[in-house]
């Protein structure tokens, strides 16, 4: 259960730097962390629908909005980083929608449920994701702090590998999908 500053401190240690206590601390490493940490974190949060970041919520209609080509406009949640689906109770459970200015969601659904990737407090992240984020931060902090492109390339490979392991761990937190009896499978024997 690490804070943003602790995640950045761990990444800096991987670069051979002294850990920081706060993103507000002076010096180049803390300054790099303060500027780069939020967009790197949000990008990693958004890369896939992580089970621990996925939220389902009803939306609040905007009565004054006039969405072009749709019947209703809704306010997108403040914590939304990326929409996954918009449900409307149909058989397939999905409604057509458009996100406008990342603040409004336009749709014809009267009472939609939005499934989205949310920005959450770092203390809620599982350890397997902490490591992937730390490795990503170390890779992205490397050039501004060390100016070593070769080392940055090596750290990028490590970060990619950590992300793949985190994806695998996250995918194993769901009920496995059952193979449907399909004629193509039956033909194979």
C-alpha atoms as a PDB file:
ATOM      1  CA  UNK A   1       0.000   0.000   0.000  1.00  0.00           C
ATOM      2  CA  UNK A   2       2.340   2.657  -1.305  1.00  0.00           C
ATOM      3  CA  UNK A   3       1.725   6.367  -1.877  1.00  0.00           C
ATOM      4  CA  UNK A   4       2.653   8.178  -5.083  1.00  0.00           C
ATOM      5  CA  UNK A   5       5.801   9.566  -3.447  1.00  0.00           C
ATOM      6  CA  UNK A   6       6.807   6.078  -2.248  1.00  0.00           C
ATOM      7  CA  UNK A   7       6.321   4.636  -5.743  1.00  0.00           C
ATOM      8  CA  UNK A   8       8.508   7.417  -7.177  1.00  0.00           C
ATOM      9  CA  UNK A   9      11.104   6.883  -4.436  1.00  0.00           C
ATOM     10  CA  UNK A  10      11.317   3.181  -5.335  1.00  0.00           C
ATOM     11  CA  UNK A  11      11.761   4.070  -9.018  1.00  0.00           C
ATOM     12  CA  UNK A  12      14.527   6.525  -8.143  1.00  0.00           C
ATOM     13  CA  UNK A  13      16.312   3.874  -6.067  1.00  0.00           C
ATOM     14  CA  UNK A  14      16.272   1.619  -9.168  1.00  0.00           C
ATOM     15  CA  UNK A  15      18.152   4.428 -10.919  1.00  0.00           C
ATOM     16  CA  UNK A  16      20.737   4.612  -8.132  1.00  0.00           C
ATOM     17  CA  UNK A  17      19.324   7.833  -6.699  1.00  0.00           C
ATOM     18  CA  UNK A  18      18.473   8.552  -3.087  1.00  0.00           C
ATOM     19  CA  UNK A  19      14.775   8.029  -2.314  1.00  0.00           C
ATOM     20  CA  UNK A  20      12.573  11.089  -1.909  1.00  0.00           C
ATOM     21  CA  UNK A  21      10.156  11.706   0.948  1.00  0.00           C
ATOM     22  CA  UNK A  22       7.804  13.955  -1.001  1.00  0.00           C
ATOM     23  CA  UNK A  23       7.123  15.069  -4.557  1.00  0.00           C
ATOM     24  CA  UNK A  24       7.461  18.638  -3.208  1.00  0.00           C
ATOM     25  CA  UNK A  25      11.038  18.016  -2.055  1.00  0.00           C
ATOM     26  CA  UNK A  26      13.695  20.054  -3.844  1.00  0.00           C
ATOM     27  CA  UNK A  27      16.228  18.714  -6.333  1.00  0.00           C
ATOM     28  CA  UNK A  28      16.196  17.244  -9.819  1.00  0.00           C
ATOM     29  CA  UNK A  29      14.917  13.726  -8.966  1.00  0.00           C
ATOM     30  CA  UNK A  30      11.909  15.055  -7.023  1.00  0.00           C
ATOM     31  CA  UNK A  31      11.240  17.638  -9.723  1.00  0.00           C
ATOM     32  CA  UNK A  32      11.265  14.979 -12.448  1.00  0.00           C
ATOM     33  CA  UNK A  33       8.988  12.753 -10.368  1.00  0.00           C
ATOM     34  CA  UNK A  34       6.560  15.609  -9.647  1.00  0.00           C
ATOM     35  CA  UNK A  35       6.190  16.463 -13.338  1.00  0.00           C
ATOM     36  CA  UNK A  36       6.211  12.968 -14.869  1.00  0.00           C
ATOM     37  CA  UNK A  37       4.485  10.830 -12.236  1.00  0.00           C
ATOM     38  CA  UNK A  38       0.818  11.855 -12.820  1.00  0.00           C
ATOM     39  CA  UNK A  39       0.758  11.326 -16.604  1.00  0.00           C
ATOM     40  CA  UNK A  40       2.763   8.085 -16.391  1.00  0.00           C
ATOM     41  CA  UNK A  41       0.446   6.736 -13.673  1.00  0.00           C
ATOM     42  CA  UNK A  42      -2.696   7.680 -15.605  1.00  0.00           C
ATOM     43  CA  UNK A  43      -1.339   6.196 -18.836  1.00  0.00           C
ATOM     44  CA  UNK A  44      -0.577   2.896 -17.096  1.00  0.00           C
ATOM     45  CA  UNK A  45      -4.009   2.937 -15.433  1.00  0.00           C
ATOM     46  CA  UNK A  46      -5.599   3.450 -18.862  1.00  0.00           C
ATOM     47  CA  UNK A  47      -3.679   0.816 -20.805  1.00  0.00           C
ATOM     48  CA  UNK A  48      -6.266  -1.883 -20.071  1.00  0.00           C
ATOM     49  CA  UNK A  49      -9.430  -2.433 -18.039  1.00  0.00           C
ATOM     50  CA  UNK A  50      -7.689  -3.500 -14.828  1.00  0.00           C
ATOM     51  CA  UNK A  51     -10.096  -5.290 -12.489  1.00  0.00           C
ATOM     52  CA  UNK A  52      -9.043  -3.101  -9.545  1.00  0.00           C
ATOM     53  CA  UNK A  53      -9.640   0.133 -11.492  1.00  0.00           C
ATOM     54  CA  UNK A  54     -12.894  -0.808 -13.243  1.00  0.00           C
ATOM     55  CA  UNK A  55     -16.014   0.939 -11.961  1.00  0.00           C
ATOM     56  CA  UNK A  56     -19.668   0.675 -13.011  1.00  0.00           C
ATOM     57  CA  UNK A  57     -21.899   3.667 -12.308  1.00  0.00           C
ATOM     58  CA  UNK A  58     -25.170   5.301 -13.320  1.00  0.00           C
ATOM     59  CA  UNK A  59     -24.734   8.636 -15.043  1.00  0.00           C
ATOM     60  CA  UNK A  60     -26.231  12.035 -14.241  1.00  0.00           C
ATOM     61  CA  UNK A  61     -28.178  13.534 -17.141  1.00  0.00           C
ATOM     62  CA  UNK A  62     -27.350  17.070 -18.274  1.00  0.00           C
ATOM     63  CA  UNK A  63     -30.774  18.640 -18.992  1.00  0.00           C
ATOM     64  CA  UNK A  64     -29.341  21.751 -20.663  1.00  0.00           C
ATOM     65  CA  UNK A  65     -27.098  19.868 -23.103  1.00  0.00           C
ATOM     66  CA  UNK A  66     -28.134  19.324 -26.714  1.00  0.00           C
ATOM     67  CA  UNK A  67     -26.064  16.433 -28.050  1.00  0.00           C
ATOM     68  CA  UNK A  68     -25.753  16.323 -31.807  1.00  0.00           C
ATOM     69  CA  UNK A  69     -27.175  13.077 -33.190  1.00  0.00           C
ATOM     70  CA  UNK A  70     -28.136  11.669 -29.772  1.00  0.00           C
ATOM     71  CA  UNK A  71     -31.100  12.094 -27.415  1.00  0.00           C
ATOM     72  CA  UNK A  72     -29.304  12.607 -24.101  1.00  0.00           C
ATOM     73  CA  UNK A  73     -26.118  13.995 -22.631  1.00  0.00           C
ATOM     74  CA  UNK A  74     -24.621  12.824 -19.336  1.00  0.00           C
ATOM     75  CA  UNK A  75     -21.775  14.119 -17.188  1.00  0.00           C
ATOM     76  CA  UNK A  76     -18.791  11.774 -17.270  1.00  0.00           C
ATOM     77  CA  UNK A  77     -17.437  10.837 -13.811  1.00  0.00           C
ATOM     78  CA  UNK A  78     -14.591  13.020 -12.570  1.00  0.00           C
ATOM     79  CA  UNK A  79     -12.451   9.936 -11.912  1.00  0.00           C
ATOM     80  CA  UNK A  80     -12.925   8.529 -15.444  1.00  0.00           C
ATOM     81  CA  UNK A  81      -9.742   7.956 -17.402  1.00  0.00           C
ATOM     82  CA  UNK A  82     -11.228   5.775 -20.133  1.00  0.00           C
ATOM     83  CA  UNK A  83     -14.681   4.464 -20.978  1.00  0.00           C
ATOM     84  CA  UNK A  84     -15.043   0.716 -21.497  1.00  0.00           C
ATOM     85  CA  UNK A  85     -18.748   0.214 -22.277  1.00  0.00           C
ATOM     86  CA  UNK A  86     -22.082   1.924 -21.867  1.00  0.00           C
ATOM     87  CA  UNK A  87     -24.941  -0.421 -21.021  1.00  0.00           C
ATOM     88  CA  UNK A  88     -28.605   0.272 -21.654  1.00  0.00           C
ATOM     89  CA  UNK A  89     -30.458  -2.937 -20.799  1.00  0.00           C
ATOM     90  CA  UNK A  90     -30.551  -4.280 -24.371  1.00  0.00           C
ATOM     91  CA  UNK A  91     -29.950  -7.953 -25.066  1.00  0.00           C
ATOM     92  CA  UNK A  92     -26.305  -7.273 -25.912  1.00  0.00           C
ATOM     93  CA  UNK A  93     -26.084  -4.820 -23.009  1.00  0.00           C
ATOM     94  CA  UNK A  94     -24.408  -2.054 -25.007  1.00  0.00           C
ATOM     95  CA  UNK A  95     -25.600   1.306 -26.207  1.00  0.00           C
ATOM     96  CA  UNK A  96     -24.000   3.463 -28.877  1.00  0.00           C
ATOM     97  CA  UNK A  97     -22.333   6.511 -27.356  1.00  0.00           C
ATOM     98  CA  UNK A  98     -19.877   9.305 -28.029  1.00  0.00           C
ATOM     99  CA  UNK A  99     -17.625  11.057 -25.549  1.00  0.00           C
ATOM    100  CA  UNK A 100     -17.524  14.781 -26.155  1.00  0.00           C
ATOM    101  CA  UNK A 101     -14.723  16.926 -24.711  1.00  0.00           C
ATOM    102  CA  UNK A 102     -14.085  14.125 -22.169  1.00  0.00           C
ATOM    103  CA  UNK A 103     -16.715  15.778 -19.977  1.00  0.00           C
ATOM    104  CA  UNK A 104     -19.947  14.615 -21.590  1.00  0.00           C
ATOM    105  CA  UNK A 105     -21.221  11.254 -22.799  1.00  0.00           C
ATOM    106  CA  UNK A 106     -23.819  11.410 -25.550  1.00  0.00           C
ATOM    107  CA  UNK A 107     -26.180   8.478 -26.101  1.00  0.00           C
ATOM    108  CA  UNK A 108     -29.787   7.502 -26.801  1.00  0.00           C
ATOM    109  CA  UNK A 109     -29.938   5.401 -23.610  1.00  0.00           C
ATOM    110  CA  UNK A 110     -32.331   6.800 -20.993  1.00  0.00           C
ATOM    111  CA  UNK A 111     -30.714   5.206 -17.934  1.00  0.00           C
ATOM    112  CA  UNK A 112     -27.210   4.092 -18.948  1.00  0.00           C
ATOM    113  CA  UNK A 113     -24.654   2.343 -16.818  1.00  0.00           C
ATOM    114  CA  UNK A 114     -21.084   3.298 -17.641  1.00  0.00           C
ATOM    115  CA  UNK A 115     -18.216   0.869 -17.116  1.00  0.00           C
ATOM    116  CA  UNK A 116     -14.947   2.769 -17.015  1.00  0.00           C
ATOM    117  CA  UNK A 117     -11.345   2.828 -15.851  1.00  0.00           C
ATOM    118  CA  UNK A 118     -11.085   5.133 -12.824  1.00  0.00           C
ATOM    119  CA  UNK A 119      -8.240   7.050 -11.255  1.00  0.00           C
ATOM    120  CA  UNK A 120      -7.991   5.718  -7.699  1.00  0.00           C
ATOM    121  CA  UNK A 121      -5.734   6.397  -4.761  1.00  0.00           C
ATOM    122  CA  UNK A 122      -2.420   4.575  -5.065  1.00  0.00           C
ATOM    123  CA  UNK A 123      -2.918   2.928  -1.669  1.00  0.00           C
ATOM    124  CA  UNK A 124      -5.606   0.748  -3.306  1.00  0.00           C
ATOM    125  CA  UNK A 125      -3.270  -0.758  -5.911  1.00  0.00           C
ATOM    126  CA  UNK A 126      -2.292  -4.427  -5.662  1.00  0.00           C
ATOM    127  CA  UNK A 127       1.414  -5.243  -5.229  1.00  0.00           C
ATOM    128  CA  UNK A 128       1.745  -6.741  -8.731  1.00  0.00           C
ATOM    129  CA  UNK A 129       0.659  -3.412 -10.204  1.00  0.00           C
ATOM    130  CA  UNK A 130       2.918  -1.414  -7.856  1.00  0.00           C
ATOM    131  CA  UNK A 131       5.926  -3.208  -9.311  1.00  0.00           C
ATOM    132  CA  UNK A 132       4.808  -2.580 -12.907  1.00  0.00           C
ATOM    133  CA  UNK A 133       4.311   1.113 -12.114  1.00  0.00           C
ATOM    134  CA  UNK A 134       7.677   1.387 -10.347  1.00  0.00           C
ATOM    135  CA  UNK A 135       9.447  -0.212 -13.314  1.00  0.00           C
ATOM    136  CA  UNK A 136       7.617   2.083 -15.761  1.00  0.00           C
ATOM    137  CA  UNK A 137       8.561   5.139 -13.676  1.00  0.00           C
ATOM    138  CA  UNK A 138      12.223   4.081 -13.504  1.00  0.00           C
ATOM    139  CA  UNK A 139      12.318   3.665 -17.289  1.00  0.00           C
ATOM    140  CA  UNK A 140      10.683   7.038 -17.917  1.00  0.00           C
ATOM    141  CA  UNK A 141      12.723   8.880 -15.251  1.00  0.00           C
ATOM    142  CA  UNK A 142      16.002   7.477 -16.586  1.00  0.00           C
ATOM    143  CA  UNK A 143      16.821   9.902 -19.392  1.00  0.00           C
ATOM    144  CA  UNK A 144      15.854  13.127 -17.559  1.00  0.00           C
ATOM    145  CA  UNK A 145      17.855  12.061 -14.504  1.00  0.00           C
ATOM    146  CA  UNK A 146      20.797  10.025 -15.866  1.00  0.00           C
ATOM    147  CA  UNK A 147      20.857  11.022 -19.566  1.00  0.00           C
ATOM    148  CA  UNK A 148      21.703   7.370 -20.308  1.00  0.00           C
ATOM    149  CA  UNK A 149      19.695   6.197 -23.348  1.00  0.00           C
ATOM    150  CA  UNK A 150      21.161   2.678 -23.278  1.00  0.00           C
ATOM    151  CA  UNK A 151      20.109   2.197 -19.680  1.00  0.00           C
ATOM    152  CA  UNK A 152      16.679   3.681 -20.470  1.00  0.00           C
ATOM    153  CA  UNK A 153      16.203   1.121 -23.265  1.00  0.00           C
ATOM    154  CA  UNK A 154      17.091  -1.690 -20.870  1.00  0.00           C
ATOM    155  CA  UNK A 155      14.698  -0.335 -18.239  1.00  0.00           C
ATOM    156  CA  UNK A 156      11.936  -0.088 -20.872  1.00  0.00           C
ATOM    157  CA  UNK A 157      12.293  -3.827 -21.546  1.00  0.00           C
ATOM    158  CA  UNK A 158      12.047  -4.529 -17.828  1.00  0.00           C
ATOM    159  CA  UNK A 159       8.969  -2.275 -17.564  1.00  0.00           C
ATOM    160  CA  UNK A 160       7.292  -4.035 -20.501  1.00  0.00           C
ATOM    161  CA  UNK A 161       7.947  -7.403 -18.865  1.00  0.00           C
ATOM    162  CA  UNK A 162       6.553  -6.196 -15.518  1.00  0.00           C
ATOM    163  CA  UNK A 163       3.446  -4.902 -17.276  1.00  0.00           C
ATOM    164  CA  UNK A 164       2.919  -8.277 -18.970  1.00  0.00           C
ATOM    165  CA  UNK A 165       3.206 -10.056 -15.596  1.00  0.00           C
ATOM    166  CA  UNK A 166       0.756  -7.578 -14.042  1.00  0.00           C
ATOM    167  CA  UNK A 167      -1.723  -8.187 -16.880  1.00  0.00           C
ATOM    168  CA  UNK A 168      -1.441 -11.931 -16.328  1.00  0.00           C
ATOM    169  CA  UNK A 169      -1.951 -11.606 -12.576  1.00  0.00           C
ATOM    170  CA  UNK A 170      -4.950  -9.316 -13.076  1.00  0.00           C
ATOM    171  CA  UNK A 171      -6.534 -11.620 -15.661  1.00  0.00           C
ATOM    172  CA  UNK A 172      -6.395 -14.493 -13.170  1.00  0.00           C
ATOM    173  CA  UNK A 173      -8.656 -12.599 -10.750  1.00  0.00           C
ATOM    174  CA  UNK A 174     -11.770 -13.314 -12.821  1.00  0.00           C
ATOM    175  CA  UNK A 175     -13.850 -16.410 -13.414  1.00  0.00           C
ATOM    176  CA  UNK A 176     -12.374 -18.247 -16.404  1.00  0.00           C
ATOM    177  CA  UNK A 177     -14.508 -18.158 -19.533  1.00  0.00           C
ATOM    178  CA  UNK A 178     -16.111 -21.469 -20.425  1.00  0.00           C
ATOM    179  CA  UNK A 179     -15.611 -22.789 -23.934  1.00  0.00           C
ATOM    180  CA  UNK A 180     -18.905 -22.717 -25.787  1.00  0.00           C
ATOM    181  CA  UNK A 181     -19.892 -25.841 -27.712  1.00  0.00           C
ATOM    182  CA  UNK A 182     -19.251 -24.717 -31.255  1.00  0.00           C
ATOM    183  CA  UNK A 183     -19.549 -26.653 -34.485  1.00  0.00           C
ATOM    184  CA  UNK A 184     -16.029 -25.643 -35.505  1.00  0.00           C
ATOM    185  CA  UNK A 185     -14.665 -27.118 -32.268  1.00  0.00           C
ATOM    186  CA  UNK A 186     -16.773 -30.265 -32.707  1.00  0.00           C
ATOM    187  CA  UNK A 187     -15.422 -30.831 -36.246  1.00  0.00           C
ATOM    188  CA  UNK A 188     -11.867 -30.883 -34.903  1.00  0.00           C
ATOM    189  CA  UNK A 189     -12.650 -33.960 -32.959  1.00  0.00           C
END
